[in-house]
All heavy atoms as atom14 arrays in JSON, in Angstrom:
{
  "sequence": "KYINTSAIENLVKWQIPTFTDPHNFAIKVTTNYPSNEFTF",
  "atom14_mask": [
    [1, 1, 1, 1, 1, 1, 1, 1, 1, 0, 0, 0, 0, 0],
    [1, 1, 1, 1, 1, 1, 1, 1, 1, 1, 1, 1, 0, 0],
    [1, 1, 1, 1, 1, 1, 1, 1, 0, 0, 0, 0, 0, 0],
    [1, 1, 1, 1, 1, 1, 1, 1, 0, 0, 0, 0, 0, 0],
    [1, 1, 1, 1, 1, 1, 1, 0, 0, 0, 0, 0, 0, 0],
    [1, 1, 1, 1, 1, 1, 0, 0, 0, 0, 0, 0, 0, 0],
    [1, 1, 1, 1, 1, 0, 0, 0, 0, 0, 0, 0, 0, 0],
    [1, 1, 1, 1, 1, 1, 1, 1, 0, 0, 0, 0, 0, 0],
    [1, 1, 1, 1, 1, 1, 1, 1, 1, 0, 0, 0, 0, 0],
    [1, 1, 1, 1, 1, 1, 1, 1, 0, 0, 0, 0, 0, 0],
    [1, 1, 1, 1, 1, 1, 1, 1, 0, 0, 0, 0, 0, 0],
    [1, 1, 1, 1, 1, 1, 1, 0, 0, 0, 0, 0, 0, 0],
    [1, 1, 1, 1, 1, 1, 1, 1, 1, 0, 0, 0, 0, 0],
    [1, 1, 1, 1, 1, 1, 1, 1, 1, 1, 1, 1, 1, 1],
    [1, 1, 1, 1, 1, 1, 1, 1, 1, 0, 0, 0, 0, 0],
    [1, 1, 1, 1, 1, 1, 1, 1, 0, 0, 0, 0, 0, 0],
    [1, 1, 1, 1, 1, 1, 1, 0, 0, 0, 0, 0, 0, 0],
    [1, 1, 1, 1, 1, 1, 1, 0, 0, 0, 0, 0, 0, 0],
    [1, 1, 1, 1, 1, 1, 1, 1, 1, 1, 1, 0, 0, 0],
    [1, 1, 1, 1, 1, 1, 1, 0, 0, 0, 0, 0, 0, 0],
    [1, 1, 1, 1, 1, 1, 1, 1, 0, 0, 0, 0, 0, 0],
    [1, 1, 1, 1, 1, 1, 1, 0, 0, 0, 0, 0, 0, 0],
    [1, 1, 1, 1, 1, 1, 1, 1, 1, 1, 0, 0, 0, 0],
    [1, 1, 1, 1, 1, 1, 1, 1, 0, 0, 0, 0, 0, 0],
    [1, 1, 1, 1, 1, 1, 1, 1, 1, 1, 1, 0, 0, 0],
    [1, 1, 1, 1, 1, 0, 0, 0, 0, 0, 0, 0, 0, 0],
    [1, 1, 1, 1, 1, 1, 1, 1, 0, 0, 0, 0, 0, 0],
    [1, 1, 1, 1, 1, 1, 1, 1, 1, 0, 0, 0, 0, 0],
    [1, 1, 1, 1, 1, 1, 1, 0, 0, 0, 0, 0, 0, 0],
    [1, 1, 1, 1, 1, 1, 1, 0, 0, 0, 0, 0, 0, 0],
    [1, 1, 1, 1, 1, 1, 1, 0, 0, 0, 0, 0, 0, 0],
    [1, 1, 1, 1, 1, 1, 1, 1, 0, 0, 0, 0, 0, 0],
    [1, 1, 1, 1, 1, 1, 1, 1, 1, 1, 1, 1, 0, 0],
    [1, 1, 1, 1, 1, 1, 1, 0, 0, 0, 0, 0, 0, 0],
    [1, 1, 1, 1, 1, 1, 0, 0, 0, 0, 0, 0, 0, 0],
    [1, 1, 1, 1, 1, 1, 1, 1, 0, 0, 0, 0, 0, 0],
    [1, 1, 1, 1, 1, 1, 1, 1, 1, 0, 0, 0, 0, 0],
    [1, 1, 1, 1, 1, 1, 1, 1, 1, 1, 1, 0, 0, 0],
    [1, 1, 1, 1, 1, 1, 1, 0, 0, 0, 0, 0, 0, 0],
    [1, 1, 1, 1, 1, 1, 1, 1, 1, 1, 1, 0, 0, 0]
  ],
  "atom14_positions": [
    [[74.98, -43.55, 37.16], [76.06, -42.6, 37.42], [77.17, -42.82, 36.4], [77.64, -43.94, 36.21], [76.61, -42.77, 38.83], [75.58, -42.49, 39.91], [76.17, -42.63, 41.3], [75.15, -42.39, 42.37], [74.55, -41.1, 42.35], [0.0, 0.0, 0.0], [0.0, 0.0, 0.0], [0.0, 0.0, 0.0], [0.0, 0.0, 0.0], [0.0, 0.0, 0.0]],
    [[77.57, -41.73, 35.76], [78.67, -41.75, 34.8], [79.74, -40.82, 35.35], [79.52, -39.62, 35.48], [78.2, -41.29, 33.43], [77.12, -42.18, 32.87], [75.77, -41.88, 33.07], [77.44, -43.34, 32.17], [74.77, -42.72, 32.59], [76.46, -44.17, 31.69], [75.12, -43.85, 31.89], [74.14, -44.68, 31.41], [0.0, 0.0, 0.0], [0.0, 0.0, 0.0]],
    [[80.88, -41.39, 35.69], [81.93, -40.64, 36.38], [83.23, -40.72, 35.58], [83.69, -41.81, 35.24], [82.15, -41.19, 37.8], [80.84, -41.1, 38.6], [83.29, -40.46, 38.51], [80.83, -41.9, 39.88], [0.0, 0.0, 0.0], [0.0, 0.0, 0.0], [0.0, 0.0, 0.0], [0.0, 0.0, 0.0], [0.0, 0.0, 0.0], [0.0, 0.0, 0.0]],
    [[83.8, -39.56, 35.29], [85.13, -39.48, 34.68], [86.1, -39.04, 35.77], [85.84, -38.08, 36.48], [85.15, -38.48, 33.53], [84.34, -38.96, 32.36], [84.42, -40.12, 31.98], [83.56, -38.07, 31.78], [0.0, 0.0, 0.0], [0.0, 0.0, 0.0], [0.0, 0.0, 0.0], [0.0, 0.0, 0.0], [0.0, 0.0, 0.0], [0.0, 0.0, 0.0]],
    [[87.21, -39.77, 35.87], [88.18, -39.47, 36.92], [89.58, -39.89, 36.48], [89.73, -40.84, 35.72], [87.8, -40.2, 38.23], [88.78, -39.93, 39.22], [87.66, -41.69, 38.05], [0.0, 0.0, 0.0], [0.0, 0.0, 0.0], [0.0, 0.0, 0.0], [0.0, 0.0, 0.0], [0.0, 0.0, 0.0], [0.0, 0.0, 0.0], [0.0, 0.0, 0.0]],
    [[90.57, -39.18, 36.97], [91.95, -39.58, 36.67], [92.42, -40.68, 37.62], [93.38, -41.38, 37.34], [92.89, -38.38, 36.75], [92.85, -37.82, 38.04], [0.0, 0.0, 0.0], [0.0, 0.0, 0.0], [0.0, 0.0, 0.0], [0.0, 0.0, 0.0], [0.0, 0.0, 0.0], [0.0, 0.0, 0.0], [0.0, 0.0, 0.0], [0.0, 0.0, 0.0]],
    [[91.72, -40.85, 38.74], [92.08, -41.9, 39.71], [91.62, -43.26, 39.19], [90.52, -43.39, 38.65], [91.44, -41.61, 41.06], [0.0, 0.0, 0.0], [0.0, 0.0, 0.0], [0.0, 0.0, 0.0], [0.0, 0.0, 0.0], [0.0, 0.0, 0.0], [0.0, 0.0, 0.0], [0.0, 0.0, 0.0], [0.0, 0.0, 0.0], [0.0, 0.0, 0.0]],
    [[92.45, -44.27, 39.36], [92.11, -45.62, 38.9], [90.95, -46.19, 39.71], [90.17, -46.98, 39.21], [93.34, -46.54, 38.98], [94.39, -46.06, 37.98], [92.98, -47.98, 38.7], [95.71, -46.79, 38.08], [0.0, 0.0, 0.0], [0.0, 0.0, 0.0], [0.0, 0.0, 0.0], [0.0, 0.0, 0.0], [0.0, 0.0, 0.0], [0.0, 0.0, 0.0]],
    [[90.82, -45.77, 40.95], [89.71, -46.18, 41.81], [89.04, -44.93, 42.37], [89.71, -43.93, 42.61], [90.19, -47.05, 42.97], [90.75, -48.38, 42.54], [91.15, -49.24, 43.72], [91.55, -48.7, 44.77], [91.06, -50.46, 43.6], [0.0, 0.0, 0.0], [0.0, 0.0, 0.0], [0.0, 0.0, 0.0], [0.0, 0.0, 0.0], [0.0, 0.0, 0.0]],
    [[87.73, -45.02, 42.59], [86.99, -43.86, 43.04], [85.88, -44.3, 44.01], [85.14, -45.24, 43.71], [86.39, -43.13, 41.84], [85.96, -41.74, 42.17], [86.53, -41.08, 43.03], [84.96, -41.26, 41.47], [0.0, 0.0, 0.0], [0.0, 0.0, 0.0], [0.0, 0.0, 0.0], [0.0, 0.0, 0.0], [0.0, 0.0, 0.0], [0.0, 0.0, 0.0]],
    [[85.77, -43.61, 45.13], [84.7, -43.87, 46.08], [83.41, -43.26, 45.53], [83.36, -42.07, 45.23], [85.01, -43.26, 47.45], [83.92, -43.43, 48.51], [83.72, -44.9, 48.87], [84.25, -42.61, 49.75], [0.0, 0.0, 0.0], [0.0, 0.0, 0.0], [0.0, 0.0, 0.0], [0.0, 0.0, 0.0], [0.0, 0.0, 0.0], [0.0, 0.0, 0.0]],
    [[82.4, -44.1, 45.38], [81.1, -43.65, 44.87], [80.06, -43.89, 45.96], [80.0, -44.96, 46.57], [80.71, -44.42, 43.59], [79.36, -43.95, 43.07], [81.78, -44.26, 42.52], [0.0, 0.0, 0.0], [0.0, 0.0, 0.0], [0.0, 0.0, 0.0], [0.0, 0.0, 0.0], [0.0, 0.0, 0.0], [0.0, 0.0, 0.0], [0.0, 0.0, 0.0]],
    [[79.25, -42.86, 46.21], [78.17, -42.96, 47.2], [76.83, -42.79, 46.5], [76.74, -42.11, 45.48], [78.33, -41.86, 48.26], [79.61, -41.99, 49.06], [79.72, -40.87, 50.08], [81.02, -40.98, 50.85], [81.13, -39.98, 51.91], [0.0, 0.0, 0.0], [0.0, 0.0, 0.0], [0.0, 0.0, 0.0], [0.0, 0.0, 0.0], [0.0, 0.0, 0.0]],
    [[75.8, -43.41, 47.05], [74.45, -43.28, 46.5], [73.45, -43.34, 47.63], [73.76, -43.75, 48.75], [74.18, -44.37, 45.45], [74.31, -45.77, 45.99], [73.34, -46.53, 46.57], [75.49, -46.59, 45.98], [73.84, -47.76, 46.92], [75.15, -47.82, 46.57], [76.79, -46.4, 45.54], [76.08, -48.85, 46.73], [77.71, -47.42, 45.69], [77.35, -48.63, 46.27]],
    [[72.24, -42.96, 47.31], [71.18, -42.97, 48.31], [70.53, -44.35, 48.32], [70.26, -44.94, 47.27], [70.13, -41.9, 47.96], [69.13, -41.65, 49.04], [68.29, -40.4, 48.75], [68.36, -39.83, 47.69], [67.52, -40.01, 49.73], [0.0, 0.0, 0.0], [0.0, 0.0, 0.0], [0.0, 0.0, 0.0], [0.0, 0.0, 0.0], [0.0, 0.0, 0.0]],
    [[70.29, -44.86, 49.52], [69.62, -46.16, 49.66], [68.14, -45.95, 49.39], [67.5, -45.07, 49.98], [69.84, -46.75, 51.07], [71.33, -47.03, 51.28], [69.02, -48.02, 51.24], [71.67, -47.5, 52.68], [0.0, 0.0, 0.0], [0.0, 0.0, 0.0], [0.0, 0.0, 0.0], [0.0, 0.0, 0.0], [0.0, 0.0, 0.0], [0.0, 0.0, 0.0]],
    [[67.57, -46.75, 48.48], [66.13, -46.59, 48.23], [65.3, -47.07, 49.42], [65.75, -47.91, 50.21], [65.89, -47.47, 47.0], [66.97, -48.49, 47.05], [68.16, -47.81, 47.68], [0.0, 0.0, 0.0], [0.0, 0.0, 0.0], [0.0, 0.0, 0.0], [0.0, 0.0, 0.0], [0.0, 0.0, 0.0], [0.0, 0.0, 0.0], [0.0, 0.0, 0.0]],
    [[64.12, -46.52, 49.55], [63.21, -46.95, 50.62], [62.03, -47.68, 49.98], [61.5, -47.26, 48.95], [62.7, -45.75, 51.45], [62.11, -44.8, 50.57], [63.84, -45.1, 52.2], [0.0, 0.0, 0.0], [0.0, 0.0, 0.0], [0.0, 0.0, 0.0], [0.0, 0.0, 0.0], [0.0, 0.0, 0.0], [0.0, 0.0, 0.0], [0.0, 0.0, 0.0]],
    [[61.66, -48.79, 50.61], [60.54, -49.59, 50.15], [59.5, -49.65, 51.26], [59.86, -49.87, 52.42], [61.01, -51.02, 49.82], [62.03, -51.1, 48.73], [63.39, -51.08, 49.01], [61.63, -51.23, 47.41], [64.33, -51.17, 48.0], [62.57, -51.33, 46.39], [63.92, -51.3, 46.69], [0.0, 0.0, 0.0], [0.0, 0.0, 0.0], [0.0, 0.0, 0.0]],
    [[58.26, -49.47, 50.9], [57.18, -49.57, 51.88], [56.03, -50.37, 51.28], [55.81, -50.35, 50.07], [56.67, -48.18, 52.31], [56.29, -47.45, 51.15], [57.72, -47.41, 53.08], [0.0, 0.0, 0.0], [0.0, 0.0, 0.0], [0.0, 0.0, 0.0], [0.0, 0.0, 0.0], [0.0, 0.0, 0.0], [0.0, 0.0, 0.0], [0.0, 0.0, 0.0]],
    [[55.32, -51.05, 52.13], [54.13, -51.77, 51.71], [52.91, -50.96, 52.12], [52.83, -50.53, 53.29], [54.1, -53.15, 52.36], [52.87, -53.93, 51.94], [52.81, -54.33, 50.77], [51.97, -54.09, 52.78], [0.0, 0.0, 0.0], [0.0, 0.0, 0.0], [0.0, 0.0, 0.0], [0.0, 0.0, 0.0], [0.0, 0.0, 0.0], [0.0, 0.0, 0.0]],
    [[51.98, -50.71, 51.21], [50.8, -49.9, 51.57], [49.95, -50.51, 52.69], [49.2, -49.79, 53.36], [50.02, -49.8, 50.26], [50.54, -50.85, 49.37], [51.92, -51.17, 49.83], [0.0, 0.0, 0.0], [0.0, 0.0, 0.0], [0.0, 0.0, 0.0], [0.0, 0.0, 0.0], [0.0, 0.0, 0.0], [0.0, 0.0, 0.0], [0.0, 0.0, 0.0]],
    [[50.09, -51.82, 52.93], [49.33, -52.48, 53.99], [50.18, -52.78, 55.2], [49.77, -53.55, 56.08], [48.68, -53.76, 53.45], [47.81, -53.51, 52.25], [46.62, -52.86, 52.32], [47.99, -53.83, 50.95], [46.07, -52.78, 51.12], [46.9, -53.36, 50.25], [0.0, 0.0, 0.0], [0.0, 0.0, 0.0], [0.0, 0.0, 0.0], [0.0, 0.0, 0.0]],
    [[51.39, -52.21, 55.24], [52.32, -52.36, 56.35], [52.76, -53.79, 56.62], [53.09, -54.15, 57.75], [51.75, -51.73, 57.64], [51.66, -50.23, 57.51], [52.54, -49.6, 56.92], [50.59, -49.67, 58.03], [0.0, 0.0, 0.0], [0.0, 0.0, 0.0], [0.0, 0.0, 0.0], [0.0, 0.0, 0.0], [0.0, 0.0, 0.0], [0.0, 0.0, 0.0]],
    [[52.75, -54.63, 55.56], [53.3, -55.98, 55.71], [54.82, -55.89, 55.72], [55.41, -54.95, 55.19], [52.84, -56.89, 54.56], [51.43, -57.36, 54.69], [50.42, -56.79, 53.92], [51.1, -58.37, 55.58], [49.12, -57.21, 54.05], [49.79, -58.81, 55.71], [48.79, -58.22, 54.94], [0.0, 0.0, 0.0], [0.0, 0.0, 0.0], [0.0, 0.0, 0.0]],
    [[55.46, -56.88, 56.29], [56.92, -56.92, 56.36], [57.51, -57.05, 54.95], [56.94, -57.71, 54.08], [57.39, -58.08, 57.22], [0.0, 0.0, 0.0], [0.0, 0.0, 0.0], [0.0, 0.0, 0.0], [0.0, 0.0, 0.0], [0.0, 0.0, 0.0], [0.0, 0.0, 0.0], [0.0, 0.0, 0.0], [0.0, 0.0, 0.0], [0.0, 0.0, 0.0]],
    [[58.65, -56.41, 54.77], [59.36, -56.44, 53.49], [60.8, -56.86, 53.77], [61.43, -56.38, 54.71], [59.36, -55.05, 52.83], [57.94, -54.63, 52.49], [60.21, -55.05, 51.57], [57.85, -53.2, 51.99], [0.0, 0.0, 0.0], [0.0, 0.0, 0.0], [0.0, 0.0, 0.0], [0.0, 0.0, 0.0], [0.0, 0.0, 0.0], [0.0, 0.0, 0.0]],
    [[61.33, -57.75, 52.92], [62.72, -58.14, 53.04], [63.48, -57.51, 51.87], [63.14, -57.72, 50.71], [62.87, -59.65, 53.01], [64.3, -60.08, 53.14], [64.46, -61.58, 53.18], [65.95, -61.84, 53.34], [66.32, -63.18, 53.29], [0.0, 0.0, 0.0], [0.0, 0.0, 0.0], [0.0, 0.0, 0.0], [0.0, 0.0, 0.0], [0.0, 0.0, 0.0]],
    [[64.54, -56.72, 52.18], [65.33, -56.03, 51.15], [66.7, -56.7, 51.05], [67.37, -56.91, 52.05], [65.49, -54.53, 51.48], [66.34, -53.84, 50.42], [64.11, -53.86, 51.6], [0.0, 0.0, 0.0], [0.0, 0.0, 0.0], [0.0, 0.0, 0.0], [0.0, 0.0, 0.0], [0.0, 0.0, 0.0], [0.0, 0.0, 0.0], [0.0, 0.0, 0.0]],
    [[67.08, -57.05, 49.82], [68.42, -57.59, 49.58], [69.15, -56.66, 48.59], [68.52, -55.97, 47.79], [68.36, -59.01, 48.98], [67.61, -58.98, 47.78], [67.74, -59.98, 49.97], [0.0, 0.0, 0.0], [0.0, 0.0, 0.0], [0.0, 0.0, 0.0], [0.0, 0.0, 0.0], [0.0, 0.0, 0.0], [0.0, 0.0, 0.0], [0.0, 0.0, 0.0]],
    [[70.47, -56.67, 48.68], [71.29, -55.83, 47.8], [72.6, -56.53, 47.51], [73.03, -57.41, 48.27], [71.55, -54.44, 48.43], [72.3, -53.64, 47.51], [72.29, -54.55, 49.74], [0.0, 0.0, 0.0], [0.0, 0.0, 0.0], [0.0, 0.0, 0.0], [0.0, 0.0, 0.0], [0.0, 0.0, 0.0], [0.0, 0.0, 0.0], [0.0, 0.0, 0.0]],
    [[73.24, -56.14, 46.43], [74.54, -56.72, 46.1], [75.69, -55.9, 46.69], [76.85, -56.3, 46.57], [74.7, -56.91, 44.59], [74.58, -55.62, 43.81], [74.04, -54.63, 44.27], [75.06, -55.64, 42.57], [0.0, 0.0, 0.0], [0.0, 0.0, 0.0], [0.0, 0.0, 0.0], [0.0, 0.0, 0.0], [0.0, 0.0, 0.0], [0.0, 0.0, 0.0]],
    [[75.41, -54.76, 47.32], [76.42, -53.97, 48.03], [75.89, -53.68, 49.43], [74.84, -53.05, 49.57], [76.72, -52.66, 47.28], [77.5, -52.91, 46.01], [76.85, -53.05, 44.79], [78.89, -53.01, 46.04], [77.57, -53.3, 43.63], [79.61, -53.26, 44.88], [78.94, -53.4, 43.67], [79.65, -53.65, 42.53], [0.0, 0.0, 0.0], [0.0, 0.0, 0.0]],
    [[76.58, -54.14, 50.47], [76.06, -54.01, 51.84], [76.02, -52.58, 52.36], [75.34, -52.3, 53.34], [77.02, -54.86, 52.67], [78.26, -54.95, 51.86], [77.85, -54.85, 50.43], [0.0, 0.0, 0.0], [0.0, 0.0, 0.0], [0.0, 0.0, 0.0], [0.0, 0.0, 0.0], [0.0, 0.0, 0.0], [0.0, 0.0, 0.0], [0.0, 0.0, 0.0]],
    [[76.72, -51.67, 51.71], [76.75, -50.27, 52.14], [76.33, -49.41, 50.94], [76.29, -49.89, 49.8], [78.17, -49.91, 52.59], [78.26, -48.53, 52.86], [0.0, 0.0, 0.0], [0.0, 0.0, 0.0], [0.0, 0.0, 0.0], [0.0, 0.0, 0.0], [0.0, 0.0, 0.0], [0.0, 0.0, 0.0], [0.0, 0.0, 0.0], [0.0, 0.0, 0.0]],
    [[76.04, -48.15, 51.2], [75.65, -47.27, 50.11], [76.85, -46.5, 49.56], [76.71, -45.43, 48.98], [74.56, -46.3, 50.55], [75.03, -45.32, 51.6], [75.83, -45.66, 52.46], [74.55, -44.1, 51.51], [0.0, 0.0, 0.0], [0.0, 0.0, 0.0], [0.0, 0.0, 0.0], [0.0, 0.0, 0.0], [0.0, 0.0, 0.0], [0.0, 0.0, 0.0]],
    [[78.05, -47.1, 49.72], [79.25, -46.54, 49.12], [80.23, -47.68, 48.86], [80.2, -48.7, 49.56], [79.89, -45.47, 50.01], [80.39, -45.98, 51.34], [80.97, -44.86, 52.19], [80.4, -43.77, 52.23], [82.01, -45.11, 52.82], [0.0, 0.0, 0.0], [0.0, 0.0, 0.0], [0.0, 0.0, 0.0], [0.0, 0.0, 0.0], [0.0, 0.0, 0.0]],
    [[81.03, -47.48, 47.82], [82.0, -48.52, 47.48], [83.09, -47.88, 46.64], [82.83, -46.95, 45.87], [81.32, -49.65, 46.69], [82.19, -50.87, 46.51], [82.32, -51.79, 47.53], [82.88, -51.08, 45.32], [83.13, -52.92, 47.38], [83.68, -52.19, 45.15], [83.8, -53.11, 46.19], [0.0, 0.0, 0.0], [0.0, 0.0, 0.0], [0.0, 0.0, 0.0]],
    [[84.32, -48.38, 46.77], [85.43, -47.89, 45.96], [85.52, -48.77, 44.72], [85.9, -49.94, 44.8], [86.75, -47.9, 46.75], [86.59, -47.07, 47.9], [87.89, -47.37, 45.91], [0.0, 0.0, 0.0], [0.0, 0.0, 0.0], [0.0, 0.0, 0.0], [0.0, 0.0, 0.0], [0.0, 0.0, 0.0], [0.0, 0.0, 0.0], [0.0, 0.0, 0.0]],
    [[85.13, -48.2, 43.58], [85.1, -48.92, 42.31], [86.33, -48.58, 41.48], [86.76, -47.43, 41.47], [83.86, -48.52, 41.49], [82.56, -48.94, 42.08], [81.81, -48.05, 42.84], [82.05, -50.2, 41.84], [80.59, -48.42, 43.36], [80.82, -50.59, 42.36], [80.09, -49.69, 43.13], [0.0, 0.0, 0.0], [0.0, 0.0, 0.0], [0.0, 0.0, 0.0]]
  ]
}
């Protein structure tokens, strides 16, 4: 995402990716942002 804005901070939202295992084994997902939005 490339965003031009006059505001020094901007709320950015994104779609959370979905991960699936073809054999239905458990998957553990980690991320560096706990929500799918953040004020950058």
